[in-house]
Amino acid sequence: MSNPIIRTSVTAAAIIATLALMACTPKYVQPMNGTALVRLHVTDSGLFAMLHTYEKEGCEGPRAIGLIGGAAFVNAEGDLQRVIPTMLGSSGAPTPETIELRAHSDKPFTVLYSQMGPHSALVARRCNLPVRFTPAANAQYQIDYSYEGERCYAKVSRLVSVGDSIQKVTVADALKEKAACSPYIY
């Protein structure tokens, strides 16, 4: 895809499809009681995707969290709901690469990173990566999304404050869900 017109057309089509899909899916409502904090983060500013969570096990009841990444595609400026200033390591200011949210604690939390289309307008990639773990009450977590070659990865870590630093402790029981997770309502 070296032709700039084709790249622009493909990028525009991917954005329109993403926005249409999000408009058809109910929005995620953050719980207020019995919660943990979760940061969703893409490690490369060129990545972009939709994020969904599910109200029921087995990837049923999708809820749209929002778009993440791709500074050229997502304007996070002024979207104050993307950030929780009291979260460990929070910048306090919205960025396209990060969404911070509250999740129910002590029950499974499934989040789907879903990208289909251009990556940095140069390479077409497809990733449908659902991850499930059970956040503990009052704990803080970070899910880092990345690519190695054409494969997408998610690493779930618990954030722990140690003195003046923040450490990431890998969550051993985080599981990839079946590939059947879909952001579509069915």
Protein backbone atom coordinates (compact mmCIF):
# COMPACT_ATOMS: atom_id res chain seq x y z
CA MET A 1 0.00 0.00 0.00
CA SER A 2 2.49 2.60 -1.08
CA ASN A 3 -0.14 4.74 -2.82
CA PRO A 4 -1.09 7.59 -0.38
CA ILE A 5 -4.65 7.75 -1.75
CA ILE A 6 -5.22 4.06 -1.06
CA ARG A 7 -3.64 4.37 2.42
CA THR A 8 -5.88 7.33 3.23
CA SER A 9 -8.97 5.54 1.91
CA VAL A 10 -8.24 2.38 3.90
CA THR A 11 -7.54 4.41 7.04
CA ALA A 12 -10.75 6.41 6.63
CA ALA A 13 -12.79 3.23 6.06
CA ALA A 14 -11.30 1.64 9.20
CA ILE A 15 -12.14 4.72 11.28
CA ILE A 16 -15.70 4.89 9.97
CA ALA A 17 -16.26 1.18 10.62
CA THR A 18 -14.85 1.53 14.14
CA LEU A 19 -17.05 4.50 14.99
CA ALA A 20 -20.14 2.81 13.54
CA LEU A 21 -19.48 -0.31 15.59
CA MET A 22 -19.04 1.72 18.77
CA ALA A 23 -22.26 3.61 18.10
CA CYS A 24 -24.18 0.31 17.98
CA THR A 25 -22.72 -1.07 21.23
CA PRO A 26 -23.86 0.17 24.66
CA LYS A 27 -21.24 2.28 26.51
CA TYR A 28 -19.36 0.86 29.50
CA VAL A 29 -20.56 2.35 32.80
CA GLN A 30 -17.89 2.43 35.46
CA PRO A 31 -18.97 1.01 38.83
CA MET A 32 -18.61 3.24 41.88
CA ASN A 33 -18.48 0.71 44.75
CA GLY A 34 -16.32 -2.40 45.19
CA THR A 35 -13.86 -1.39 42.52
CA ALA A 36 -10.32 -1.77 41.29
CA LEU A 37 -8.56 0.65 38.94
CA VAL A 38 -7.42 -0.59 35.53
CA ARG A 39 -5.22 1.24 33.02
CA LEU A 40 -5.44 0.10 29.39
CA HIS A 41 -2.32 1.14 27.52
CA VAL A 42 -0.87 0.67 24.03
CA THR A 43 2.94 0.59 24.04
CA ASP A 44 3.34 2.11 20.56
CA SER A 45 1.63 5.39 19.65
CA GLY A 46 1.00 4.01 16.15
CA LEU A 47 -1.33 1.27 17.45
CA PHE A 48 -5.05 1.91 17.60
CA ALA A 49 -8.03 -0.25 18.48
CA MET A 50 -11.47 -0.48 20.01
CA LEU A 51 -11.78 -1.68 23.58
CA HIS A 52 -14.82 -3.52 24.92
CA THR A 53 -15.70 -5.26 28.14
CA TYR A 54 -18.44 -7.77 28.89
CA GLU A 55 -21.09 -7.86 31.60
CA LYS A 56 -21.43 -11.64 31.54
CA GLU A 57 -19.07 -14.59 31.28
CA GLY A 58 -18.40 -16.12 27.90
CA CYS A 59 -18.04 -12.69 26.26
CA GLU A 60 -21.76 -11.92 26.44
CA GLY A 61 -23.15 -8.42 26.82
CA PRO A 62 -20.46 -6.29 25.13
CA ARG A 63 -19.95 -2.72 26.37
CA ALA A 64 -17.82 -0.19 24.46
CA ILE A 65 -15.02 1.35 26.54
CA GLY A 66 -13.59 3.52 23.77
CA LEU A 67 -10.88 3.97 21.16
CA ILE A 68 -7.25 3.72 22.17
CA GLY A 69 -4.03 4.71 20.46
CA GLY A 70 -3.38 6.26 17.09
CA ALA A 71 -2.89 9.91 17.91
CA ALA A 72 -3.78 10.68 14.30
CA PHE A 73 -7.12 8.88 14.72
CA VAL A 74 -8.26 9.63 18.27
CA ASN A 75 -8.52 13.06 19.77
CA ALA A 76 -8.38 12.49 23.53
CA GLU A 77 -8.02 16.18 24.31
CA GLY A 78 -10.75 17.24 26.69
CA ASP A 79 -11.98 13.67 27.26
CA LEU A 80 -11.47 13.77 31.04
CA GLN A 81 -13.15 10.37 31.51
CA ARG A 82 -10.01 8.72 30.07
CA VAL A 83 -7.97 9.42 33.19
CA ILE A 84 -8.18 8.83 36.97
CA PRO A 85 -5.65 11.26 38.50
CA THR A 86 -5.36 9.23 41.74
CA MET A 87 -4.22 6.09 39.89
CA LEU A 88 -0.57 5.09 40.37
CA GLY A 89 1.51 6.47 37.50
CA SER A 90 -1.36 8.51 36.08
CA SER A 91 -0.29 11.48 33.99
CA GLY A 92 -3.41 13.32 35.13
CA ALA A 93 -4.01 14.36 31.51
CA PRO A 94 -5.81 12.38 28.78
CA THR A 95 -3.68 10.75 26.07
CA PRO A 96 -4.77 8.65 23.09
CA GLU A 97 -2.54 5.74 24.25
CA THR A 98 -4.17 5.28 27.67
CA ILE A 99 -7.62 4.79 29.18
CA GLU A 100 -7.98 4.48 32.97
CA LEU A 101 -11.21 3.09 34.38
CA ARG A 102 -12.90 1.51 37.38
CA ALA A 103 -13.81 -2.18 37.18
CA HIS A 104 -15.82 -4.37 39.54
CA SER A 105 -13.53 -6.09 41.99
CA ASP A 106 -13.65 -9.73 43.04
CA LYS A 107 -15.42 -10.84 39.85
CA PRO A 108 -14.03 -11.68 36.41
CA PHE A 109 -13.25 -8.70 34.18
CA THR A 110 -12.93 -9.34 30.44
CA VAL A 111 -11.56 -6.71 28.10
CA LEU A 112 -11.27 -7.09 24.32
CA TYR A 113 -8.61 -5.26 22.29
CA SER A 114 -9.90 -5.32 18.72
CA GLN A 115 -8.05 -3.95 15.69
CA MET A 116 -8.70 -4.70 12.07
CA GLY A 117 -7.07 -2.51 9.50
CA PRO A 118 -4.05 -0.34 8.99
CA HIS A 119 -1.31 0.09 11.56
CA SER A 120 0.51 3.39 11.20
CA ALA A 121 -1.15 3.58 7.74
CA LEU A 122 1.55 1.27 6.37
CA VAL A 123 0.76 -2.30 7.45
CA ALA A 124 -2.63 -4.01 7.65
CA ARG A 125 -3.04 -5.93 10.91
CA ARG A 126 -5.81 -7.89 12.55
CA CYS A 127 -5.95 -8.49 16.29
CA ASN A 128 -8.85 -9.71 18.40
CA LEU A 129 -7.33 -10.23 21.86
CA PRO A 130 -9.68 -10.86 24.80
CA VAL A 131 -8.11 -11.07 28.27
CA ARG A 132 -9.81 -12.02 31.55
CA PHE A 133 -8.67 -11.64 35.15
CA THR A 134 -10.26 -10.99 38.55
CA PRO A 135 -9.22 -7.63 40.03
CA ALA A 136 -8.91 -7.41 43.82
CA ALA A 137 -10.72 -4.66 45.73
CA ASN A 138 -8.82 -1.36 45.87
CA ALA A 139 -5.97 -2.79 43.72
CA GLN A 140 -4.60 -1.14 40.59
CA TYR A 141 -3.71 -2.86 37.31
CA GLN A 142 -2.28 -2.08 33.90
CA ILE A 143 -2.83 -3.99 30.66
CA ASP A 144 -0.11 -3.23 28.10
CA TYR A 145 -0.92 -4.06 24.46
CA SER A 146 1.91 -4.57 21.98
CA TYR A 147 2.90 -6.26 18.74
CA GLU A 148 5.86 -8.44 17.88
CA GLY A 149 5.87 -8.83 14.13
CA GLU A 150 2.27 -9.56 13.18
CA ARG A 151 1.20 -11.04 16.57
CA CYS A 152 -0.53 -8.95 19.23
CA TYR A 153 0.07 -9.41 22.95
CA ALA A 154 -1.41 -8.24 26.23
CA LYS A 155 0.44 -8.24 29.53
CA VAL A 156 -1.60 -7.78 32.72
CA SER A 157 0.26 -6.37 35.72
CA ARG A 158 -0.72 -5.28 39.20
CA LEU A 159 0.68 -1.85 40.05
CA VAL A 160 2.40 -1.66 43.45
CA SER A 161 3.87 1.43 45.09
CA VAL A 162 7.30 0.74 46.60
CA GLY A 163 8.84 3.84 48.14
CA ASP A 164 9.03 6.45 45.39
CA SER A 165 8.64 3.97 42.53
CA ILE A 166 5.86 1.95 40.96
CA GLN A 167 6.48 -1.71 40.23
CA LYS A 168 4.53 -3.93 37.83
CA VAL A 169 3.85 -7.44 39.16
CA THR A 170 2.63 -9.84 36.46
CA VAL A 171 -0.87 -11.21 37.10
CA ALA A 172 -0.31 -14.96 36.76
CA ASP A 173 -3.97 -15.93 36.46
CA ALA A 174 -4.81 -13.57 33.56
CA LEU A 175 -6.23 -15.69 30.74
CA LYS A 176 -6.84 -15.19 27.07
CA GLU A 177 -10.50 -15.86 26.38
CA LYS A 178 -11.65 -17.91 23.40
CA ALA A 179 -11.33 -16.16 20.07
CA ALA A 180 -15.15 -16.15 19.99
CA CYS A 181 -15.25 -12.80 21.84
CA SER A 182 -16.80 -10.21 19.58
CA PRO A 183 -17.63 -6.54 20.03
CA TYR A 184 -20.86 -7.12 18.12
CA ILE A 185 -24.17 -7.51 19.92
CA TYR A 186 -25.62 -10.96 19.26
